[in-house]
């Protein structure tokens, strides 16, 4: 897993994105456009105002950031939002203290980094995909029987031939993950 965190700050009582905040949201969106990315958006406030109001305001801020991410191309289904109000202050302060660092939304982007299978395993996967796609034809394509025989000891030699045979037969080549 690869994670990145972005922070957007807000003016006192505001839940709209400033130009600087919108730029940060764009950066987070660029990182989140990877396949399988998950995005957590959490809103916060400082301690000025009533706790109930601050909880609502922190959710409005989180929703504003989520909307910006969606407009930038991040699927809404990949984003979760949460509100923390005046809890979990970035800068510990007393009650009714204004601090912009506490008036924030944190954007956490997590991208799953896929493990790549070994040449041998991938060669075997290509072979079995070929056999399933052409069960009654044997191995008619030139070089396929030899390419399959390479899977145990020299898989790197068999992979290109198997990929080409699948493509020539209009069979989807499985991903190497």
C-alpha atoms as a PDB file:
ATOM      1  CA  UNK A   1       0.000   0.000   0.000  1.00  0.00           C
ATOM      2  CA  UNK A   2       1.160   3.489  -0.812  1.00  0.00           C
ATOM      3  CA  UNK A   3      -0.383   6.353   1.160  1.00  0.00           C
ATOM      4  CA  UNK A   4      -0.302  10.116   0.784  1.00  0.00           C
ATOM      5  CA  UNK A   5      -1.922  12.808   2.917  1.00  0.00           C
ATOM      6  CA  UNK A   6      -3.026  16.250   1.779  1.00  0.00           C
ATOM      7  CA  UNK A   7      -4.312  19.047   4.005  1.00  0.00           C
ATOM      8  CA  UNK A   8      -6.752  21.778   2.996  1.00  0.00           C
ATOM      9  CA  UNK A   9      -7.356  24.722   5.362  1.00  0.00           C
ATOM     10  CA  UNK A  10     -10.402  26.979   5.614  1.00  0.00           C
ATOM     11  CA  UNK A  11     -11.229  30.513   6.658  1.00  0.00           C
ATOM     12  CA  UNK A  12     -13.133  30.997   9.919  1.00  0.00           C
ATOM     13  CA  UNK A  13     -16.672  29.616   9.583  1.00  0.00           C
ATOM     14  CA  UNK A  14     -16.166  28.771   5.874  1.00  0.00           C
ATOM     15  CA  UNK A  15     -16.749  25.537   4.009  1.00  0.00           C
ATOM     16  CA  UNK A  16     -15.912  26.682   0.474  1.00  0.00           C
ATOM     17  CA  UNK A  17     -12.613  25.899  -1.184  1.00  0.00           C
ATOM     18  CA  UNK A  18     -10.154  28.757  -1.669  1.00  0.00           C
ATOM     19  CA  UNK A  19      -7.976  28.826  -4.789  1.00  0.00           C
ATOM     20  CA  UNK A  20      -5.116  27.311  -2.790  1.00  0.00           C
ATOM     21  CA  UNK A  21      -7.402  24.623  -1.337  1.00  0.00           C
ATOM     22  CA  UNK A  22      -8.737  23.762  -4.810  1.00  0.00           C
ATOM     23  CA  UNK A  23      -5.156  23.326  -6.021  1.00  0.00           C
ATOM     24  CA  UNK A  24      -4.435  20.907  -3.169  1.00  0.00           C
ATOM     25  CA  UNK A  25      -7.618  18.969  -3.976  1.00  0.00           C
ATOM     26  CA  UNK A  26      -6.431  18.706  -7.611  1.00  0.00           C
ATOM     27  CA  UNK A  27      -3.094  17.275  -6.417  1.00  0.00           C
ATOM     28  CA  UNK A  28      -4.898  14.713  -4.247  1.00  0.00           C
ATOM     29  CA  UNK A  29      -7.196  13.824  -7.139  1.00  0.00           C
ATOM     30  CA  UNK A  30      -4.213  13.209  -9.414  1.00  0.00           C
ATOM     31  CA  UNK A  31      -2.810  10.774  -6.846  1.00  0.00           C
ATOM     32  CA  UNK A  32      -6.213   9.136  -6.359  1.00  0.00           C
ATOM     33  CA  UNK A  33      -6.964   8.378 -10.000  1.00  0.00           C
ATOM     34  CA  UNK A  34      -5.033   5.109  -9.816  1.00  0.00           C
ATOM     35  CA  UNK A  35      -6.968   1.887 -10.077  1.00  0.00           C
ATOM     36  CA  UNK A  36      -8.134   0.754  -6.694  1.00  0.00           C
ATOM     37  CA  UNK A  37      -7.318   4.000  -4.878  1.00  0.00           C
ATOM     38  CA  UNK A  38      -9.272   4.653  -1.693  1.00  0.00           C
ATOM     39  CA  UNK A  39      -9.704   8.189  -0.392  1.00  0.00           C
ATOM     40  CA  UNK A  40     -10.607   9.198   3.141  1.00  0.00           C
ATOM     41  CA  UNK A  41     -11.747  12.792   3.669  1.00  0.00           C
ATOM     42  CA  UNK A  42     -12.013  14.021   7.267  1.00  0.00           C
ATOM     43  CA  UNK A  43     -13.191  17.498   8.275  1.00  0.00           C
ATOM     44  CA  UNK A  44     -12.160  19.418  11.410  1.00  0.00           C
ATOM     45  CA  UNK A  45     -12.751  22.814  13.019  1.00  0.00           C
ATOM     46  CA  UNK A  46     -11.047  24.949  15.615  1.00  0.00           C
ATOM     47  CA  UNK A  47     -12.671  25.441  19.039  1.00  0.00           C
ATOM     48  CA  UNK A  48     -14.517  28.681  18.217  1.00  0.00           C
ATOM     49  CA  UNK A  49     -18.281  28.137  18.346  1.00  0.00           C
ATOM     50  CA  UNK A  50     -20.553  25.478  19.758  1.00  0.00           C
ATOM     51  CA  UNK A  51     -19.443  21.843  19.442  1.00  0.00           C
ATOM     52  CA  UNK A  52     -22.650  20.841  17.554  1.00  0.00           C
ATOM     53  CA  UNK A  53     -22.176  23.672  15.052  1.00  0.00           C
ATOM     54  CA  UNK A  54     -18.517  22.708  14.611  1.00  0.00           C
ATOM     55  CA  UNK A  55     -19.437  19.088  13.918  1.00  0.00           C
ATOM     56  CA  UNK A  56     -21.819  20.213  11.165  1.00  0.00           C
ATOM     57  CA  UNK A  57     -19.263  22.650   9.767  1.00  0.00           C
ATOM     58  CA  UNK A  58     -16.552  19.978   9.675  1.00  0.00           C
ATOM     59  CA  UNK A  59     -18.887  17.724   7.640  1.00  0.00           C
ATOM     60  CA  UNK A  60     -19.669  20.589   5.222  1.00  0.00           C
ATOM     61  CA  UNK A  61     -15.929  21.030   4.730  1.00  0.00           C
ATOM     62  CA  UNK A  62     -15.430  17.313   4.104  1.00  0.00           C
ATOM     63  CA  UNK A  63     -18.301  17.284   1.586  1.00  0.00           C
ATOM     64  CA  UNK A  64     -16.863  20.346  -0.211  1.00  0.00           C
ATOM     65  CA  UNK A  65     -13.534  18.533  -0.601  1.00  0.00           C
ATOM     66  CA  UNK A  66     -15.251  15.322  -1.717  1.00  0.00           C
ATOM     67  CA  UNK A  67     -17.205  17.286  -4.339  1.00  0.00           C
ATOM     68  CA  UNK A  68     -13.935  18.809  -5.578  1.00  0.00           C
ATOM     69  CA  UNK A  69     -12.349  15.366  -5.847  1.00  0.00           C
ATOM     70  CA  UNK A  70     -15.352  14.012  -7.779  1.00  0.00           C
ATOM     71  CA  UNK A  71     -15.276  17.004 -10.168  1.00  0.00           C
ATOM     72  CA  UNK A  72     -11.584  16.226 -10.714  1.00  0.00           C
ATOM     73  CA  UNK A  73     -12.421  12.664 -11.791  1.00  0.00           C
ATOM     74  CA  UNK A  74     -12.188  10.585  -8.607  1.00  0.00           C
ATOM     75  CA  UNK A  75     -15.125   8.136  -8.417  1.00  0.00           C
ATOM     76  CA  UNK A  76     -17.480   9.069  -5.562  1.00  0.00           C
ATOM     77  CA  UNK A  77     -17.594   5.391  -4.590  1.00  0.00           C
ATOM     78  CA  UNK A  78     -13.857   5.518  -3.782  1.00  0.00           C
ATOM     79  CA  UNK A  79     -14.293   8.337  -1.243  1.00  0.00           C
ATOM     80  CA  UNK A  80     -15.417   8.125   2.375  1.00  0.00           C
ATOM     81  CA  UNK A  81     -16.117  11.213   4.454  1.00  0.00           C
ATOM     82  CA  UNK A  82     -16.040  11.820   8.177  1.00  0.00           C
ATOM     83  CA  UNK A  83     -16.444  14.774  10.523  1.00  0.00           C
ATOM     84  CA  UNK A  84     -14.483  15.282  13.734  1.00  0.00           C
ATOM     85  CA  UNK A  85     -15.573  18.821  14.629  1.00  0.00           C
ATOM     86  CA  UNK A  86     -13.250  20.287  17.234  1.00  0.00           C
ATOM     87  CA  UNK A  87     -11.823  16.934  18.312  1.00  0.00           C
ATOM     88  CA  UNK A  88      -8.340  15.779  17.274  1.00  0.00           C
ATOM     89  CA  UNK A  89      -6.945  19.298  17.072  1.00  0.00           C
ATOM     90  CA  UNK A  90      -3.754  19.603  15.061  1.00  0.00           C
ATOM     91  CA  UNK A  91      -2.667  22.428  17.350  1.00  0.00           C
ATOM     92  CA  UNK A  92      -3.918  21.913  20.923  1.00  0.00           C
ATOM     93  CA  UNK A  93      -5.747  25.049  22.089  1.00  0.00           C
ATOM     94  CA  UNK A  94      -8.219  26.073  24.724  1.00  0.00           C
ATOM     95  CA  UNK A  95     -11.923  26.608  24.095  1.00  0.00           C
ATOM     96  CA  UNK A  96     -12.934  29.451  21.740  1.00  0.00           C
ATOM     97  CA  UNK A  97      -9.423  29.797  20.246  1.00  0.00           C
ATOM     98  CA  UNK A  98      -9.185  30.461  16.504  1.00  0.00           C
ATOM     99  CA  UNK A  99      -6.409  28.535  14.764  1.00  0.00           C
ATOM    100  CA  UNK A 100      -6.391  27.993  10.998  1.00  0.00           C
ATOM    101  CA  UNK A 101      -4.345  24.792  11.270  1.00  0.00           C
ATOM    102  CA  UNK A 102      -7.293  23.247  13.126  1.00  0.00           C
ATOM    103  CA  UNK A 103      -9.793  24.441  10.468  1.00  0.00           C
ATOM    104  CA  UNK A 104      -8.845  21.769   7.984  1.00  0.00           C
ATOM    105  CA  UNK A 105      -9.773  18.746   5.931  1.00  0.00           C
ATOM    106  CA  UNK A 106      -7.284  15.924   5.699  1.00  0.00           C
ATOM    107  CA  UNK A 107      -7.332  13.857   2.509  1.00  0.00           C
ATOM    108  CA  UNK A 108      -5.791  10.419   2.791  1.00  0.00           C
ATOM    109  CA  UNK A 109      -5.113   8.639  -0.507  1.00  0.00           C
ATOM    110  CA  UNK A 110      -4.231   4.952  -0.362  1.00  0.00           C
ATOM    111  CA  UNK A 111      -3.272   3.082  -3.502  1.00  0.00           C
ATOM    112  CA  UNK A 112      -2.857  -0.675  -3.472  1.00  0.00           C
ATOM    113  CA  UNK A 113       0.458  -1.624  -5.001  1.00  0.00           C
ATOM    114  CA  UNK A 114      -0.087  -4.891  -6.804  1.00  0.00           C
ATOM    115  CA  UNK A 115       2.452  -7.623  -6.405  1.00  0.00           C
ATOM    116  CA  UNK A 116       3.814  -8.914  -9.673  1.00  0.00           C
ATOM    117  CA  UNK A 117       3.881 -12.664 -10.117  1.00  0.00           C
ATOM    118  CA  UNK A 118       7.012 -14.512 -11.129  1.00  0.00           C
ATOM    119  CA  UNK A 119       7.785 -15.277 -14.782  1.00  0.00           C
ATOM    120  CA  UNK A 120       7.083 -18.953 -14.146  1.00  0.00           C
ATOM    121  CA  UNK A 121       3.667 -18.328 -12.601  1.00  0.00           C
ATOM    122  CA  UNK A 122       2.744 -15.858 -15.329  1.00  0.00           C
ATOM    123  CA  UNK A 123       3.824 -18.277 -18.069  1.00  0.00           C
ATOM    124  CA  UNK A 124       1.637 -20.986 -16.493  1.00  0.00           C
ATOM    125  CA  UNK A 125      -1.286 -18.560 -16.250  1.00  0.00           C
ATOM    126  CA  UNK A 126      -0.914 -17.706 -19.953  1.00  0.00           C
ATOM    127  CA  UNK A 127      -0.747 -21.423 -20.823  1.00  0.00           C
ATOM    128  CA  UNK A 128      -3.901 -22.270 -18.885  1.00  0.00           C
ATOM    129  CA  UNK A 129      -5.703 -19.244 -20.389  1.00  0.00           C
ATOM    130  CA  UNK A 130      -4.744 -20.456 -23.867  1.00  0.00           C
ATOM    131  CA  UNK A 131      -5.941 -24.018 -23.116  1.00  0.00           C
ATOM    132  CA  UNK A 132      -9.283 -22.747 -21.782  1.00  0.00           C
ATOM    133  CA  UNK A 133      -9.791 -20.501 -24.813  1.00  0.00           C
ATOM    134  CA  UNK A 134      -8.924 -23.223 -27.317  1.00  0.00           C
ATOM    135  CA  UNK A 135      -9.883 -26.486 -25.558  1.00  0.00           C
ATOM    136  CA  UNK A 136     -10.639 -28.537 -28.673  1.00  0.00           C
ATOM    137  CA  UNK A 137      -7.920 -27.274 -30.938  1.00  0.00           C
ATOM    138  CA  UNK A 138      -4.894 -28.514 -29.088  1.00  0.00           C
ATOM    139  CA  UNK A 139      -2.016 -26.180 -29.653  1.00  0.00           C
ATOM    140  CA  UNK A 140      -2.478 -25.218 -33.290  1.00  0.00           C
ATOM    141  CA  UNK A 141      -0.606 -21.938 -33.145  1.00  0.00           C
ATOM    142  CA  UNK A 142       3.021 -22.114 -34.215  1.00  0.00           C
ATOM    143  CA  UNK A 143       5.422 -22.237 -31.318  1.00  0.00           C
ATOM    144  CA  UNK A 144       2.790 -22.585 -28.575  1.00  0.00           C
ATOM    145  CA  UNK A 145       3.716 -26.165 -27.497  1.00  0.00           C
ATOM    146  CA  UNK A 146       7.368 -25.169 -27.163  1.00  0.00           C
ATOM    147  CA  UNK A 147       6.457 -21.921 -25.355  1.00  0.00           C
ATOM    148  CA  UNK A 148       4.391 -23.932 -22.871  1.00  0.00           C
ATOM    149  CA  UNK A 149       7.298 -26.274 -22.285  1.00  0.00           C
ATOM    150  CA  UNK A 150       9.471 -23.284 -21.307  1.00  0.00           C
ATOM    151  CA  UNK A 151       7.205 -22.377 -18.374  1.00  0.00           C
ATOM    152  CA  UNK A 152       9.057 -24.577 -15.881  1.00  0.00           C
ATOM    153  CA  UNK A 153      12.692 -23.748 -16.677  1.00  0.00           C
ATOM    154  CA  UNK A 154      12.847 -20.738 -19.035  1.00  0.00           C
ATOM    155  CA  UNK A 155       9.517 -18.929 -18.645  1.00  0.00           C
ATOM    156  CA  UNK A 156      10.805 -15.622 -20.034  1.00  0.00           C
ATOM    157  CA  UNK A 157      11.264 -17.389 -23.395  1.00  0.00           C
ATOM    158  CA  UNK A 158       7.685 -18.713 -23.421  1.00  0.00           C
ATOM    159  CA  UNK A 159       5.802 -15.591 -22.339  1.00  0.00           C
ATOM    160  CA  UNK A 160       6.100 -13.530 -25.578  1.00  0.00           C
ATOM    161  CA  UNK A 161       4.898 -16.424 -27.767  1.00  0.00           C
ATOM    162  CA  UNK A 162       1.949 -17.167 -25.457  1.00  0.00           C
ATOM    163  CA  UNK A 163       0.929 -13.501 -25.294  1.00  0.00           C
ATOM    164  CA  UNK A 164       1.035 -13.275 -29.106  1.00  0.00           C
ATOM    165  CA  UNK A 165      -0.985 -16.493 -29.490  1.00  0.00           C
ATOM    166  CA  UNK A 166      -3.669 -15.162 -27.142  1.00  0.00           C
ATOM    167  CA  UNK A 167      -3.791 -11.815 -28.939  1.00  0.00           C
ATOM    168  CA  UNK A 168      -3.921 -13.507 -32.377  1.00  0.00           C
ATOM    169  CA  UNK A 169      -6.882 -15.552 -31.159  1.00  0.00           C
ATOM    170  CA  UNK A 170      -8.586 -12.439 -29.741  1.00  0.00           C
ATOM    171  CA  UNK A 171      -8.351 -13.732 -26.180  1.00  0.00           C
ATOM    172  CA  UNK A 172      -7.818 -11.223 -23.360  1.00  0.00           C
ATOM    173  CA  UNK A 173      -4.293 -11.447 -21.990  1.00  0.00           C
ATOM    174  CA  UNK A 174      -4.544 -11.757 -18.182  1.00  0.00           C
ATOM    175  CA  UNK A 175      -2.836  -9.075 -16.101  1.00  0.00           C
ATOM    176  CA  UNK A 176       0.385  -9.945 -14.336  1.00  0.00           C
ATOM    177  CA  UNK A 177      -0.863  -9.317 -10.802  1.00  0.00           C
END
